[in-house]
């Protein structure tokens, strides 16, 4: 059994910063890719940022230059540093990890989400 737990969300004023964390625990052979998504009220879930094993990162255009994704493989944890936050960044942020549990088993796991609210 593998679990993902997000933390670091909260209420912040426009222009402020937050740092989100996603920690994976359980039976883990390796984590191939780690991804942040978000879902705002009344909108579809969207991909925010992703990072591979070797640190290659990709970002949605809406957050490029403001957000930074990183990971600590020794701790099975990834982070999302969010700077210059805007009200339109308000959403529930979810982490997803593709976790290899054996040579033949690869599953995608989701966290429960953490609320980020940016006031104007």
Protein backbone atom coordinates (compact mmCIF):
# COMPACT_ATOMS: atom_id res chain seq x y z
CA UNK A 1 0.00 0.00 0.00
CA UNK A 2 1.28 3.44 -1.03
CA UNK A 3 -0.01 6.76 0.23
CA UNK A 4 0.64 10.32 -0.91
CA UNK A 5 0.15 13.20 1.52
CA UNK A 6 0.15 16.86 0.46
CA UNK A 7 0.83 19.73 2.82
CA UNK A 8 1.65 23.43 2.77
CA UNK A 9 -1.57 24.90 1.42
CA UNK A 10 -3.29 27.86 2.99
CA UNK A 11 -4.49 31.43 2.57
CA UNK A 12 -2.14 34.03 1.12
CA UNK A 13 -2.46 37.51 -0.35
CA UNK A 14 -1.81 38.18 -4.02
CA UNK A 15 1.91 38.48 -4.63
CA UNK A 16 2.76 36.15 -1.77
CA UNK A 17 4.36 32.71 -1.74
CA UNK A 18 3.61 29.17 -0.61
CA UNK A 19 5.57 25.94 -0.71
CA UNK A 20 3.67 22.69 -1.18
CA UNK A 21 5.02 19.25 -0.30
CA UNK A 22 3.97 15.77 -1.38
CA UNK A 23 5.40 12.84 0.56
CA UNK A 24 5.04 9.24 -0.61
CA UNK A 25 5.21 6.33 1.81
CA UNK A 26 4.72 2.57 1.69
CA UNK A 27 6.12 -0.15 -0.52
CA UNK A 28 8.08 1.77 -3.15
CA UNK A 29 10.64 0.44 -5.57
CA UNK A 30 11.02 3.72 -7.45
CA UNK A 31 9.03 6.78 -8.50
CA UNK A 32 9.24 7.41 -12.22
CA UNK A 33 7.52 10.78 -12.47
CA UNK A 34 5.92 13.17 -10.01
CA UNK A 35 3.19 15.59 -11.09
CA UNK A 36 1.23 18.49 -9.59
CA UNK A 37 -2.35 19.13 -10.73
CA UNK A 38 -4.92 21.67 -9.60
CA UNK A 39 -8.68 22.05 -9.83
CA UNK A 40 -10.49 25.34 -9.30
CA UNK A 41 -14.23 25.53 -8.54
CA UNK A 42 -16.27 24.94 -11.69
CA UNK A 43 -13.22 24.12 -13.79
CA UNK A 44 -11.53 21.00 -15.10
CA UNK A 45 -8.44 19.60 -13.45
CA UNK A 46 -5.27 20.89 -15.10
CA UNK A 47 -1.64 19.89 -15.04
CA UNK A 48 0.55 22.43 -13.26
CA UNK A 49 4.05 20.94 -13.33
CA UNK A 50 5.87 17.63 -13.61
CA UNK A 51 9.36 16.36 -12.84
CA UNK A 52 11.18 13.20 -13.91
CA UNK A 53 13.70 11.05 -12.04
CA UNK A 54 16.62 13.02 -13.43
CA UNK A 55 15.10 16.39 -12.60
CA UNK A 56 13.68 17.40 -15.98
CA UNK A 57 10.74 19.74 -15.32
CA UNK A 58 7.80 21.02 -17.35
CA UNK A 59 5.29 23.75 -16.48
CA UNK A 60 1.93 25.00 -17.61
CA UNK A 61 2.17 28.35 -19.39
CA UNK A 62 0.04 29.97 -16.70
CA UNK A 63 2.62 29.28 -13.97
CA UNK A 64 5.89 29.37 -15.91
CA UNK A 65 8.37 31.74 -14.32
CA UNK A 66 6.47 31.82 -11.03
CA UNK A 67 6.41 28.18 -9.84
CA UNK A 68 9.33 25.79 -9.34
CA UNK A 69 8.98 22.02 -8.97
CA UNK A 70 11.65 19.91 -7.29
CA UNK A 71 12.09 16.47 -5.70
CA UNK A 72 14.12 14.69 -3.06
CA UNK A 73 14.41 11.07 -4.16
CA UNK A 74 15.96 9.95 -0.86
CA UNK A 75 12.82 11.14 0.95
CA UNK A 76 10.30 10.22 -1.78
CA UNK A 77 9.08 13.79 -1.64
CA UNK A 78 8.39 16.52 -4.19
CA UNK A 79 7.82 20.22 -3.72
CA UNK A 80 6.14 23.09 -5.50
CA UNK A 81 7.48 26.55 -4.70
CA UNK A 82 4.81 29.08 -5.70
CA UNK A 83 5.81 32.74 -5.94
CA UNK A 84 3.96 35.84 -7.14
CA UNK A 85 0.65 34.14 -6.48
CA UNK A 86 -2.48 35.42 -8.20
CA UNK A 87 -6.17 34.98 -7.30
CA UNK A 88 -6.55 32.74 -10.36
CA UNK A 89 -4.12 30.30 -8.71
CA UNK A 90 -6.82 29.50 -6.14
CA UNK A 91 -7.55 25.77 -6.36
CA UNK A 92 -7.14 22.42 -4.69
CA UNK A 93 -3.67 21.14 -5.56
CA UNK A 94 -3.13 17.40 -6.00
CA UNK A 95 0.02 15.36 -6.40
CA UNK A 96 0.24 12.24 -8.53
CA UNK A 97 3.13 9.82 -8.69
CA UNK A 98 3.80 6.93 -11.04
CA UNK A 99 5.25 4.39 -8.61
CA UNK A 100 6.95 1.16 -9.59
CA UNK A 101 6.36 -1.55 -7.00
CA UNK A 102 8.02 -4.41 -8.93
CA UNK A 103 9.58 -5.07 -12.30
CA UNK A 104 6.09 -5.58 -13.76
CA UNK A 105 3.81 -3.39 -11.62
CA UNK A 106 3.46 0.36 -12.14
CA UNK A 107 0.57 2.31 -10.57
CA UNK A 108 -0.49 5.93 -10.51
CA UNK A 109 -1.29 7.22 -7.01
CA UNK A 110 -3.13 10.41 -6.05
CA UNK A 111 -2.97 12.45 -2.89
CA UNK A 112 -6.02 13.90 -1.13
CA UNK A 113 -5.23 17.48 -2.14
CA UNK A 114 -4.37 20.69 -0.31
CA UNK A 115 -6.34 23.94 -0.62
CA UNK A 116 -4.58 27.08 -1.86
CA UNK A 117 -6.52 30.34 -1.62
CA UNK A 118 -5.11 33.62 -2.93
CA UNK A 119 -6.91 36.81 -1.95
CA UNK A 120 -6.83 40.03 -3.95
